[in-house]
Amino acid sequence: MEIKFFGATKIVTGSNILISTAKYKLLLDCGMFQGNKEIENLNYSPFPYDPKQIDYLILTHAHIDHSGRIPKLINEGFRGRIISTKPTMQLSEIMLKDSAHIQQSDIEWENNRRRRAGEELKKPLYTIEEAQHSISYFNVYNYDQEINLNDDIKLTFRDAGHILGSAIVELWIREYNNTIKIVYTGDLGMSKRPILRDPEYIKEADYLIIESTYGNRIHENYFDSMNELIEIIENTANRGGTVLIPSFAVGRTQELIYQLNKYYEYINTEEYKKIPIYIDSPMAIEATKVFQENAIFFDDEAKKLILSGDNPFEFENLRYVQSKEESMNLNKAQYPKVIISASGMANAGRIRHHLKHNLWNSQNSLVFVGYQAEGTLGRLLLDGVKKVKLLGEEIIVGLEIYNLQGFSAHADILHLRDWLSHFEKKPKKVFVVHGEVDAANSLSRELLYDFGIESIIPNFGDGFIIKDGFTSQISDLGINILNERIDILSEINVLEDEIKNLKFLLEEDKNDKILRNNYDILRNKVSEIRNALLEINLLLGK
């Protein structure tokens, strides 16, 4: 049996793992790469395997970094079965169609420029129709159900507590009369969070593939973050400002609605303090309907609230915004308000328009409530950039910025350690994925020092043969070159962030020779790295 890693390796996007036996090939997730333009261009690269040969795709959850390349996989020949929970299928339909809409809009804008320049036109990764068609490949199952894919492969979904429908995969594969159990966490959630049940514990595995998004961090207390959010809203409203919250349309937005419902209906009942809350994301609105249809998967508190007659996704000062006109009018309105809008990393969607109109104003506040990947606008703003280009216009950053990590839907190192401690039979080997280098290294050290388990942090394209209880690594020259390309892209991200900060400082003091020297050194370094990247692209035939 072979396991190969083709995404979310030392980064947190593009989850894609190939497992091959003598008779079958199956994928774990097929996610989109997210970040700057060069990282996102990886989505257009051919798959490093033949999609026609894939028998099954097991999808842990609907987030686009796990599901976003499914239509591309089908376009390139996949005709197998996609295995997921029912909510994952429902949410994937919404997210994939939205992803296609964004791609088609971006490509239309880019092609207008290319026509004027006489350049070759581009095509989107997939269309809305292709995204819709991909849903016909889904086969849905319940949690805790034994799913027999064939005589040699079976699996069970366990609740991962990350978003609605998210699953941990317990996978049993028989080959040559020997059965190996592989557990893949997908994305693990935090315990004691609203709406969803806690992540389930697993008792045993021969091999474990575990996420490490926050493998080097302890989250702030959830309820402290919620109280801080309320304080930010009220302080911003008192000075006449707007609170902008870039929020993932699936999961985080519903959690915020749920908590704000509890606050405004049961704690703060004074009418004058009920600031208008706008959900400005058609995708979030559709996803909220899916949540309402799947209350069976909620935790006991949420079920009790619903049985009492309270719809936790509706309250007096909550408004759902559908049309573009209403969305645009929000930026003209001068009264205090909260705008919750996608995307969560501020890389696309309506939130970018709201940032353009509000980023400069010191009366306003910007609140991040989720992970911001390298190269995204959200990460740049969190890192302190003083000026950004939005929709063709340079905007200064004048508002207050907050990062409330207590809202994270990913397990932190304490919860990862707790989850690992419930294994009664330790895995022989652990593969650490879905984390930037520091986070992955941190979790790897925890596994060795606290649990005595050796782990591997795979690079893109790394493959491992599992036979007779032993794990040996295999490599591919072309894949190694592509992995080097990904490492270079990450380095460019960091250097470009530094250049932007230095450029702003130089605009403030053009006579500072040290700043000018550092700026020139960094620009030359990026130029050198880009030349190296160009050589790699030529080797890959791009």
Protein backbone atom coordinates (compact mmCIF):
# COMPACT_ATOMS: atom_id res chain seq x y z
CA MET A 1 0.00 0.00 0.00
CA GLU A 2 1.18 3.52 -0.81
CA ILE A 3 0.19 6.87 0.69
CA LYS A 4 1.11 10.04 -1.21
CA PHE A 5 0.55 13.62 -0.11
CA PHE A 6 -0.43 16.20 -2.74
CA GLY A 7 -1.62 19.15 -0.66
CA ALA A 8 -1.78 20.75 2.79
CA THR A 9 1.88 19.82 3.25
CA LYS A 10 3.55 22.47 5.43
CA ILE A 11 0.67 24.76 4.42
CA VAL A 12 -3.01 24.69 5.36
CA THR A 13 -4.67 24.56 1.95
CA GLY A 14 -5.09 22.10 -0.90
CA SER A 15 -5.76 18.93 1.15
CA ASN A 16 -5.34 15.93 -1.14
CA ILE A 17 -4.03 12.48 -0.16
CA LEU A 18 -3.80 9.44 -2.47
CA ILE A 19 -3.93 5.89 -1.09
CA SER A 20 -3.13 3.09 -3.55
CA THR A 21 -3.42 -0.65 -3.14
CA ALA A 22 -2.79 -3.37 -5.70
CA LYS A 23 -6.49 -3.18 -6.72
CA TYR A 24 -7.85 0.27 -5.78
CA LYS A 25 -7.01 3.95 -5.62
CA LEU A 26 -8.79 6.35 -3.31
CA LEU A 27 -8.41 10.01 -2.38
CA LEU A 28 -8.86 11.70 0.96
CA ASP A 29 -10.18 15.21 0.16
CA CYS A 30 -9.53 17.23 -2.99
CA GLY A 31 -9.10 20.80 -1.81
CA MET A 32 -8.24 24.10 -3.40
CA PHE A 33 -4.97 25.95 -2.81
CA GLN A 34 -5.55 29.40 -1.30
CA GLY A 35 -3.15 32.30 -0.78
CA ASN A 36 -1.51 34.72 -3.17
CA LYS A 37 -1.94 34.48 -6.95
CA GLU A 38 1.06 32.23 -7.45
CA ILE A 39 -0.08 29.71 -4.84
CA GLU A 40 -3.61 29.77 -6.25
CA ASN A 41 -2.17 29.10 -9.71
CA LEU A 42 -1.25 25.64 -8.39
CA ASN A 43 -4.97 24.81 -8.77
CA TYR A 44 -4.48 24.93 -12.54
CA SER A 45 -1.64 22.40 -12.52
CA PRO A 46 -2.56 18.88 -13.69
CA PHE A 47 -3.21 16.40 -10.90
CA PRO A 48 -0.04 14.36 -10.19
CA TYR A 49 -2.08 11.17 -10.75
CA ASP A 50 -4.63 10.05 -13.33
CA PRO A 51 -8.15 11.02 -12.13
CA LYS A 52 -9.59 8.28 -14.37
CA GLN A 53 -7.93 5.66 -12.16
CA ILE A 54 -9.41 6.93 -8.87
CA ASP A 55 -12.15 4.66 -7.54
CA TYR A 56 -13.29 6.69 -4.51
CA LEU A 57 -12.98 10.17 -3.04
CA ILE A 58 -13.65 10.35 0.69
CA LEU A 59 -14.56 13.92 1.62
CA THR A 60 -14.18 14.93 5.26
CA HIS A 61 -16.07 18.24 5.03
CA ALA A 62 -17.23 20.99 2.70
CA HIS A 63 -14.66 23.74 3.31
CA ILE A 64 -13.18 24.76 -0.02
CA ASP A 65 -9.59 23.90 0.97
CA HIS A 66 -10.83 20.29 1.22
CA SER A 67 -13.47 20.16 -1.54
CA GLY A 68 -12.62 22.94 -4.00
CA ARG A 69 -11.03 20.93 -6.83
CA ILE A 70 -13.72 18.24 -7.07
CA PRO A 71 -15.23 19.61 -10.32
CA LYS A 72 -11.72 19.83 -11.82
CA LEU A 73 -11.13 16.18 -10.82
CA ILE A 74 -14.33 15.19 -12.65
CA ASN A 75 -13.46 17.34 -15.67
CA GLU A 76 -10.18 15.42 -15.93
CA GLY A 77 -11.81 12.00 -15.90
CA PHE A 78 -12.84 10.93 -12.38
CA ARG A 79 -15.91 8.68 -12.54
CA GLY A 80 -15.79 7.10 -9.12
CA ARG A 81 -17.92 7.67 -6.01
CA ILE A 82 -17.62 10.61 -3.61
CA ILE A 83 -18.29 9.45 -0.04
CA SER A 84 -19.46 12.00 2.56
CA THR A 85 -22.08 12.81 5.16
CA LYS A 86 -25.37 14.36 4.02
CA PRO A 87 -24.64 17.88 5.40
CA THR A 88 -21.22 17.81 3.70
CA MET A 89 -22.88 17.08 0.36
CA GLN A 90 -25.45 19.87 0.88
CA LEU A 91 -22.84 22.43 1.92
CA SER A 92 -20.44 21.35 -0.85
CA GLU A 93 -23.10 22.15 -3.44
CA ILE A 94 -23.35 25.70 -2.10
CA MET A 95 -19.61 26.23 -1.73
CA LEU A 96 -18.56 24.76 -5.08
CA LYS A 97 -21.14 26.81 -6.98
CA ASP A 98 -20.00 29.94 -5.15
CA SER A 99 -16.36 29.11 -5.90
CA ALA A 100 -17.23 28.72 -9.59
CA HIS A 101 -19.08 32.04 -9.58
CA ILE A 102 -16.03 33.82 -8.12
CA GLN A 103 -13.72 32.16 -10.66
CA GLN A 104 -15.94 33.07 -13.60
CA SER A 105 -16.18 36.69 -12.41
CA ASP A 106 -12.41 36.94 -11.88
CA ILE A 107 -11.66 35.36 -15.27
CA GLU A 108 -14.10 37.70 -17.02
CA TRP A 109 -12.30 40.71 -15.52
CA GLU A 110 -8.88 39.25 -16.39
CA ASN A 111 -9.94 38.40 -19.95
CA ASN A 112 -11.13 41.95 -20.54
CA ARG A 113 -7.59 43.09 -19.75
CA ARG A 114 -6.10 40.32 -21.93
CA ARG A 115 -8.27 41.29 -24.91
CA ARG A 116 -7.01 44.86 -24.70
CA ALA A 117 -3.41 43.58 -24.51
CA GLY A 118 -3.89 41.04 -27.32
CA GLU A 119 -3.08 38.15 -24.97
CA GLU A 120 -4.48 34.62 -24.92
CA LEU A 121 -7.75 34.33 -22.95
CA LYS A 122 -8.00 32.15 -19.83
CA LYS A 123 -10.67 29.72 -18.70
CA PRO A 124 -11.99 29.30 -15.15
CA LEU A 125 -11.01 26.18 -13.23
CA TYR A 126 -14.65 25.10 -13.62
CA THR A 127 -18.06 26.62 -14.27
CA ILE A 128 -21.19 26.84 -12.12
CA GLU A 129 -22.76 24.10 -14.26
CA GLU A 130 -19.74 21.84 -13.73
CA ALA A 131 -19.85 22.50 -9.98
CA GLN A 132 -23.54 21.55 -9.92
CA HIS A 133 -22.87 18.40 -11.98
CA SER A 134 -20.22 17.22 -9.51
CA ILE A 135 -22.87 16.78 -6.80
CA SER A 136 -24.34 13.84 -8.74
CA TYR A 137 -21.22 11.83 -7.80
CA PHE A 138 -21.91 12.08 -4.05
CA ASN A 139 -23.01 9.09 -1.96
CA VAL A 140 -24.07 10.15 1.55
CA TYR A 141 -23.85 8.20 4.80
CA ASN A 142 -24.50 8.74 8.50
CA TYR A 143 -22.01 9.06 11.31
CA ASP A 144 -21.08 5.73 12.95
CA GLN A 145 -22.35 3.75 9.96
CA GLU A 146 -20.15 0.93 8.64
CA ILE A 147 -19.60 1.72 4.95
CA ASN A 148 -18.35 -1.18 2.84
CA LEU A 149 -16.89 0.26 -0.34
CA ASN A 150 -15.92 -3.21 -1.57
CA ASP A 151 -14.66 -6.49 -0.16
CA ASP A 152 -11.32 -4.94 0.82
CA ILE A 153 -12.12 -1.40 2.00
CA LYS A 154 -14.54 -0.17 4.63
CA LEU A 155 -14.82 3.05 6.58
CA THR A 156 -16.78 4.83 9.29
CA PHE A 157 -17.36 8.55 9.75
CA ARG A 158 -17.01 9.98 13.27
CA ASP A 159 -18.05 13.51 14.21
CA ALA A 160 -15.07 15.89 13.93
CA GLY A 161 -16.91 18.83 15.54
CA HIS A 162 -15.36 21.28 13.05
CA ILE A 163 -18.32 22.36 10.91
CA LEU A 164 -21.71 20.80 10.24
CA GLY A 165 -21.18 17.36 8.71
CA SER A 166 -17.41 17.31 9.25
CA ALA A 167 -15.96 13.86 9.80
CA ILE A 168 -12.99 11.95 11.10
CA VAL A 169 -12.40 8.96 8.81
CA GLU A 170 -11.71 5.50 10.21
CA LEU A 171 -10.50 3.49 7.23
CA TRP A 172 -9.82 -0.26 7.14
CA ILE A 173 -7.93 -1.56 4.09
CA ARG A 174 -7.24 -5.26 3.49
CA GLU A 175 -4.43 -6.25 1.18
CA TYR A 176 -2.77 -9.68 0.90
CA ASN A 177 -4.85 -10.94 3.87
CA ASN A 178 -3.50 -8.15 6.07
CA THR A 179 -5.82 -5.38 7.32
CA ILE A 180 -4.42 -1.92 8.12
CA LYS A 181 -6.42 0.77 9.91
CA ILE A 182 -5.77 4.38 8.87
CA VAL A 183 -7.38 7.30 10.70
CA TYR A 184 -7.60 10.70 9.01
CA THR A 185 -8.75 13.58 11.19
CA GLY A 186 -9.68 15.98 8.39
CA ASP A 187 -10.06 19.19 10.42
CA LEU A 188 -10.60 18.64 14.14
CA GLY A 189 -12.86 21.04 16.01
CA MET A 190 -12.76 22.40 19.55
CA SER A 191 -14.85 20.89 22.34
CA LYS A 192 -17.58 22.73 24.26
CA ARG A 193 -18.50 24.99 21.34
CA PRO A 194 -22.01 26.11 20.41
CA ILE A 195 -24.28 24.27 17.96
CA LEU A 196 -22.05 21.28 17.15
CA ARG A 197 -21.22 18.20 19.17
CA ASP A 198 -17.68 17.71 20.49
CA PRO A 199 -15.14 15.83 18.34
CA GLU A 200 -15.32 12.09 18.89
CA TYR A 201 -12.32 10.23 20.30
CA ILE A 202 -10.70 7.33 18.45
CA LYS A 203 -9.31 4.37 20.36
CA GLU A 204 -6.86 2.83 17.93
CA ALA A 205 -5.13 3.16 14.58
CA ASP A 206 -2.18 1.62 12.81
CA TYR A 207 -1.46 4.92 11.03
CA LEU A 208 -2.78 8.39 11.79
CA ILE A 209 -2.96 11.44 9.51
CA ILE A 210 -3.58 14.49 11.69
CA GLU A 211 -4.09 18.19 11.04
CA SER A 212 -1.82 20.71 12.79
CA THR A 213 -3.26 24.14 11.96
CA TYR A 214 -2.76 25.33 15.53
CA GLY A 215 -0.19 22.77 16.64
CA ASN A 216 1.90 25.56 18.17
CA ARG A 217 -0.82 27.67 19.79
CA ILE A 218 -3.25 27.77 22.68
CA HIS A 219 -6.48 29.54 21.81
CA GLU A 220 -7.91 32.30 23.91
CA ASN A 221 -10.90 31.30 26.02
CA TYR A 222 -13.97 31.11 23.79
CA PHE A 223 -16.27 33.02 26.09
CA ASP A 224 -13.61 35.69 26.69
CA SER A 225 -13.46 36.19 22.92
CA MET A 226 -17.26 36.41 22.74
CA ASN A 227 -17.31 39.03 25.51
CA GLU A 228 -14.54 40.95 23.75
CA LEU A 229 -16.53 40.90 20.51
CA ILE A 230 -19.56 42.40 22.29
CA GLU A 231 -17.32 45.05 23.82
CA ILE A 232 -15.82 45.89 20.40
CA ILE A 233 -19.32 46.18 18.89
CA GLU A 234 -20.55 48.51 21.63
CA ASN A 235 -17.41 50.68 21.71
CA THR A 236 -17.43 51.04 17.92
CA ALA A 237 -21.15 51.84 17.91
CA ASN A 238 -20.67 54.50 20.60
CA ARG A 239 -18.25 56.38 18.32
CA GLY A 240 -20.59 56.00 15.35
CA GLY A 241 -18.53 53.36 13.51
CA THR A 242 -19.04 50.10 11.65
CA VAL A 243 -17.72 46.69 12.74
CA LEU A 244 -16.56 44.53 9.82
CA ILE A 245 -16.23 40.78 10.40
CA PRO A 246 -14.78 38.71 7.54
CA SER A 247 -16.28 35.33 8.30
CA PHE A 248 -16.31 31.91 6.71
CA ALA A 249 -19.80 31.50 5.27
CA VAL A 250 -20.07 27.92 6.47
CA GLY A 251 -19.64 27.34 10.19
CA ARG A 252 -18.24 30.54 11.63
CA THR A 253 -21.07 32.78 10.46
CA GLN A 254 -23.73 30.46 11.89
CA GLU A 255 -21.84 30.29 15.19
CA LEU A 256 -21.70 34.09 15.41
CA ILE A 257 -25.43 34.38 14.63
CA TYR A 258 -26.19 31.78 17.31
CA GLN A 259 -24.15 33.58 19.97
CA LEU A 260 -25.44 37.05 19.06
CA ASN A 261 -28.98 35.67 19.24
CA LYS A 262 -28.36 34.55 22.82
CA TYR A 263 -26.87 37.92 23.72
CA TYR A 264 -29.57 40.16 22.26
CA GLU A 265 -32.52 37.97 23.26
CA TYR A 266 -31.50 36.84 26.73
CA ILE A 267 -28.75 39.16 28.07
CA ASN A 268 -28.95 42.61 26.51
CA THR A 269 -32.66 43.27 26.08
CA GLU A 270 -32.43 47.09 25.99
CA GLU A 271 -33.78 48.21 22.63
CA TYR A 272 -31.37 51.13 22.14
CA LYS A 273 -28.38 48.78 22.41
CA LYS A 274 -29.62 46.43 19.67
CA ILE A 275 -27.16 47.42 16.93
CA PRO A 276 -28.22 46.25 13.43
CA ILE A 277 -26.37 43.05 12.47
CA TYR A 278 -26.15 42.40 8.72
CA ILE A 279 -25.27 39.03 7.22
CA ASP A 280 -24.05 40.11 3.79
CA SER A 281 -23.26 36.82 2.07
CA PRO A 282 -25.70 34.93 -0.14
CA MET A 283 -23.65 31.78 0.45
CA ALA A 284 -23.87 32.20 4.24
CA ILE A 285 -27.64 32.62 3.93
CA GLU A 286 -27.93 29.39 1.94
CA ALA A 287 -25.63 27.59 4.39
CA THR A 288 -27.73 28.78 7.33
CA LYS A 289 -30.77 27.11 5.72
CA VAL A 290 -28.79 23.85 5.58
CA PHE A 291 -27.99 24.23 9.29
CA GLN A 292 -31.69 24.69 10.04
CA GLU A 293 -32.53 21.52 8.07
CA ASN A 294 -29.97 19.44 9.99
CA ALA A 295 -30.70 20.23 13.64
CA ILE A 296 -30.44 16.50 14.35
CA PHE A 297 -26.65 16.95 14.30
CA PHE A 298 -26.68 19.81 16.86
CA ASP A 299 -25.52 19.51 20.46
CA ASP A 300 -28.00 19.22 23.34
CA GLU A 301 -28.04 22.95 24.16
CA ALA A 302 -28.92 23.96 20.59
CA LYS A 303 -31.62 21.28 20.36
CA LYS A 304 -33.12 22.46 23.66
CA LEU A 305 -33.19 26.06 22.40
CA ILE A 306 -35.02 25.00 19.25
CA LEU A 307 -37.51 22.86 21.19
CA SER A 308 -38.29 25.90 23.37
CA GLY A 309 -39.53 27.68 20.23
CA ASP A 310 -36.48 29.91 19.67
CA ASN A 311 -34.98 29.90 16.18
CA PRO A 312 -31.32 30.59 17.02
CA PHE A 313 -30.69 31.94 13.52
CA GLU A 314 -33.24 34.74 13.74
CA PHE A 315 -33.54 37.71 16.12
CA GLU A 316 -34.96 41.22 16.08
CA ASN A 317 -31.88 43.20 14.99
CA LEU A 318 -30.54 40.59 12.52
CA ARG A 319 -30.85 41.31 8.81
CA TYR A 320 -29.99 38.97 5.91
CA VAL A 321 -28.73 40.86 2.84
CA GLN A 322 -29.37 39.28 -0.56
CA SER A 323 -29.11 41.85 -3.33
CA LYS A 324 -25.99 43.69 -4.48
CA GLU A 325 -27.89 46.98 -4.23
CA GLU A 326 -28.67 46.45 -0.54
CA SER A 327 -25.06 45.42 0.06
CA MET A 328 -23.78 48.61 -1.62
CA ASN A 329 -26.21 50.73 0.38
CA LEU A 330 -24.67 49.48 3.63
CA ASN A 331 -21.55 51.50 2.81
CA LYS A 332 -23.61 54.65 2.30
CA ALA A 333 -25.46 54.32 5.61
CA GLN A 334 -23.87 56.41 8.38
CA TYR A 335 -25.44 54.71 11.42
CA PRO A 336 -23.56 52.19 13.65
CA LYS A 337 -23.81 48.60 12.46
CA VAL A 338 -22.11 45.22 12.21
CA ILE A 339 -21.43 43.66 8.79
CA ILE A 340 -20.58 39.95 8.74
CA SER A 341 -19.50 39.00 5.24
CA ALA A 342 -17.50 36.39 3.32
CA SER A 343 -14.82 35.52 2.60
CA GLY A 344 -13.21 34.66 5.92
CA MET A 345 -9.68 35.49 4.70
CA ALA A 346 -10.91 38.62 2.82
CA ASN A 347 -9.57 37.24 -0.46
CA ALA A 348 -12.87 37.40 -2.35
CA GLY A 349 -16.53 38.23 -2.01
CA ARG A 350 -18.44 41.23 -0.73
CA ILE A 351 -16.17 41.82 2.27
CA ARG A 352 -13.58 43.37 -0.06
CA HIS A 353 -16.07 46.08 -1.09
CA HIS A 354 -16.84 46.81 2.55
CA LEU A 355 -13.12 47.00 3.34
CA LYS A 356 -12.58 49.43 0.47
CA HIS A 357 -15.21 51.80 1.89
CA ASN A 358 -14.38 51.38 5.60
CA LEU A 359 -10.72 50.44 6.01
CA TRP A 360 -9.48 54.04 6.12
CA ASN A 361 -11.87 55.29 8.83
CA SER A 362 -10.57 55.27 12.42
CA GLN A 363 -14.14 55.13 13.75
CA ASN A 364 -14.50 51.59 12.41
CA SER A 365 -13.27 48.20 13.59
CA LEU A 366 -12.17 45.06 11.76
CA VAL A 367 -12.48 41.77 13.63
CA PHE A 368 -10.92 38.51 12.46
CA VAL A 369 -12.53 35.37 13.87
CA GLY A 370 -10.67 32.65 11.99
CA TYR A 371 -7.39 31.47 10.50
CA GLN A 372 -5.69 33.76 7.95
CA ALA A 373 -3.45 31.83 5.54
CA GLU A 374 -0.13 33.19 4.25
CA GLY A 375 -0.55 35.49 1.27
CA THR A 376 -4.21 36.38 1.94
CA LEU A 377 -5.43 39.95 2.46
CA GLY A 378 -6.52 39.01 5.96
CA ARG A 379 -3.00 37.86 6.85
CA LEU A 380 -1.47 41.06 5.44
CA LEU A 381 -3.81 43.21 7.54
CA LEU A 382 -3.12 41.14 10.66
CA ASP A 383 0.62 41.47 10.06
CA GLY A 384 0.27 45.25 10.17
CA VAL A 385 0.46 46.43 6.55
CA LYS A 386 -0.38 50.15 6.44
CA LYS A 387 -1.78 50.38 2.91
CA VAL A 388 -3.51 47.88 0.61
CA LYS A 389 -4.76 47.86 -2.97
CA LEU A 390 -8.45 46.99 -3.17
CA LEU A 391 -10.49 46.86 -6.37
CA GLY A 392 -8.02 49.05 -8.21
CA GLU A 393 -7.57 51.64 -5.47
CA GLU A 394 -4.94 52.10 -2.75
CA ILE A 395 -6.52 52.38 0.71
CA ILE A 396 -4.77 53.32 3.94
CA VAL A 397 -5.45 51.16 7.00
CA GLY A 398 -6.89 53.48 9.64
CA LEU A 399 -9.41 51.39 11.58
CA GLU A 400 -8.81 49.25 14.66
CA ILE A 401 -7.96 45.60 13.97
CA TYR A 402 -8.66 42.70 16.32
CA ASN A 403 -7.84 38.99 16.09
CA LEU A 404 -10.16 36.93 18.30
CA GLN A 405 -8.57 33.49 18.24
CA GLY A 406 -11.03 32.02 20.71
CA PHE A 407 -13.49 31.56 17.84
CA SER A 408 -11.26 29.21 15.91
CA ALA A 409 -12.95 26.02 14.71
CA HIS A 410 -9.59 24.19 14.68
CA ALA A 411 -8.29 22.34 17.71
CA ASP A 412 -5.35 24.05 19.43
CA ILE A 413 -2.38 22.17 20.84
CA LEU A 414 -4.16 21.47 24.14
CA HIS A 415 -7.15 19.92 22.39
CA LEU A 416 -4.94 18.02 19.96
CA ARG A 417 -3.01 16.61 22.91
CA ASP A 418 -6.25 15.67 24.69
CA TRP A 419 -7.62 14.00 21.56
CA LEU A 420 -4.41 12.01 21.08
CA SER A 421 -4.38 10.91 24.73
CA HIS A 422 -7.54 8.82 24.18
CA PHE A 423 -5.80 6.33 21.88
CA GLU A 424 -5.66 2.98 23.71
CA LYS A 425 -3.50 1.53 20.95
CA LYS A 426 -0.86 3.98 19.71
CA PRO A 427 -0.37 4.43 15.97
CA LYS A 428 2.84 3.02 14.53
CA LYS A 429 3.41 6.25 12.66
CA VAL A 430 1.73 9.66 12.43
CA PHE A 431 1.70 11.93 9.38
CA VAL A 432 1.35 15.61 10.34
CA VAL A 433 -0.41 17.72 7.70
CA HIS A 434 -2.50 20.89 7.29
CA GLY A 435 -0.20 23.22 9.22
CA GLU A 436 2.50 25.76 8.47
CA VAL A 437 6.04 24.65 9.27
CA ASP A 438 6.23 25.93 12.87
CA ALA A 439 2.84 24.47 13.79
CA ALA A 440 3.60 21.09 12.21
CA ASN A 441 7.01 20.90 13.91
CA SER A 442 5.46 21.78 17.26
CA LEU A 443 2.89 18.99 17.05
CA SER A 444 5.54 16.56 15.84
CA ARG A 445 7.60 17.29 18.96
CA GLU A 446 4.54 16.78 21.18
CA LEU A 447 3.92 13.40 19.57
CA LEU A 448 7.47 12.27 20.30
CA TYR A 449 8.00 13.71 23.79
CA ASP A 450 4.51 13.22 25.27
CA PHE A 451 3.36 10.06 23.47
CA GLY A 452 6.54 8.40 22.26
CA ILE A 453 5.25 8.30 18.68
CA GLU A 454 7.46 9.06 15.72
CA SER A 455 5.90 11.33 13.14
CA ILE A 456 6.53 12.48 9.59
CA ILE A 457 5.84 15.95 8.20
CA PRO A 458 5.50 15.19 4.48
CA ASN A 459 6.50 17.50 1.67
CA PHE A 460 4.32 17.89 -1.39
CA GLY A 461 4.48 14.65 -3.38
CA ASP A 462 6.15 12.57 -0.68
CA GLY A 463 5.09 8.96 -0.90
CA PHE A 464 5.33 6.15 1.64
CA ILE A 465 5.07 2.38 1.22
CA ILE A 466 3.41 0.59 4.11
CA LYS A 467 4.27 -3.10 4.22
CA ASP A 468 4.68 -5.65 7.00
CA GLY A 469 4.38 -2.93 9.65
CA PHE A 470 7.18 -0.83 8.18
CA THR A 471 7.06 2.54 6.44
CA SER A 472 9.54 3.44 3.70
CA GLN A 473 9.69 6.64 1.67
CA ILE A 474 9.56 6.88 -2.10
CA SER A 475 10.27 9.97 -4.19
CA ASP A 476 9.68 11.39 -7.66
CA LEU A 477 11.98 13.94 -9.33
CA GLY A 478 9.13 15.91 -10.94
CA ILE A 479 7.23 16.06 -7.66
CA ASN A 480 10.36 17.14 -5.80
CA ILE A 481 10.73 20.04 -8.24
CA LEU A 482 7.09 21.01 -7.70
CA ASN A 483 7.58 20.83 -3.94
CA GLU A 484 10.59 23.18 -4.27
CA ARG A 485 8.31 25.53 -6.20
CA ILE A 486 5.79 25.58 -3.33
CA ASP A 487 8.59 26.33 -0.83
CA ILE A 488 9.73 29.24 -3.01
CA LEU A 489 6.18 30.61 -3.23
CA SER A 490 5.95 30.61 0.57
CA GLU A 491 9.28 32.47 0.81
CA ILE A 492 8.05 35.05 -1.72
CA ASN A 493 4.95 35.60 0.44
CA VAL A 494 7.03 36.50 3.47
CA LEU A 495 9.43 38.77 1.57
CA GLU A 496 6.63 40.61 -0.25
CA ASP A 497 4.95 41.34 3.08
CA GLU A 498 8.21 42.84 4.37
CA ILE A 499 8.62 44.90 1.19
CA LYS A 500 5.12 46.36 1.56
CA ASN A 501 5.85 47.45 5.12
CA LEU A 502 9.21 48.98 4.14
CA LYS A 503 7.63 50.75 1.18
CA PHE A 504 5.12 52.41 3.48
CA LEU A 505 7.87 53.50 5.88
CA LEU A 506 9.87 54.92 2.95
CA GLU A 507 6.87 56.96 1.87
CA GLU A 508 6.90 58.47 5.35
CA ASP A 509 10.65 59.19 5.31
CA LYS A 510 12.23 59.08 1.84
CA ASN A 511 15.65 60.16 3.15
CA ASP A 512 16.19 57.17 5.47
CA LYS A 513 19.21 55.48 3.87
CA ILE A 514 18.99 52.31 6.01
CA LEU A 515 15.36 51.76 5.01
CA ARG A 516 16.21 52.40 1.36
CA ASN A 517 19.10 49.92 1.51
CA ASN A 518 16.94 47.21 3.16
CA TYR A 519 14.18 47.84 0.65
CA ASP A 520 16.58 47.43 -2.30
CA ILE A 521 18.11 44.27 -0.79
CA LEU A 522 14.68 42.66 -0.37
CA ARG A 523 13.59 43.62 -3.89
CA ASN A 524 16.74 42.05 -5.31
CA LYS A 525 16.15 38.92 -3.22
CA VAL A 526 12.59 38.56 -4.56
CA SER A 527 13.94 39.04 -8.08
CA GLU A 528 16.48 36.25 -7.55
CA ILE A 529 13.81 33.94 -6.13
CA ARG A 530 11.45 34.68 -9.02
CA ASN A 531 14.22 33.76 -11.47
CA ALA A 532 14.65 30.45 -9.64
CA LEU A 533 10.90 29.96 -9.82
CA LEU A 534 10.96 30.65 -13.56
CA GLU A 535 13.59 27.94 -14.06
CA ILE A 536 11.45 25.46 -12.10
CA ASN A 537 8.38 26.38 -14.14
CA LEU A 538 10.37 25.68 -17.31
CA LEU A 539 11.38 22.27 -15.94
CA LEU A 540 7.72 21.55 -15.16
CA GLY A 541 6.67 22.75 -18.60
CA LYS A 542 4.47 25.59 -17.30
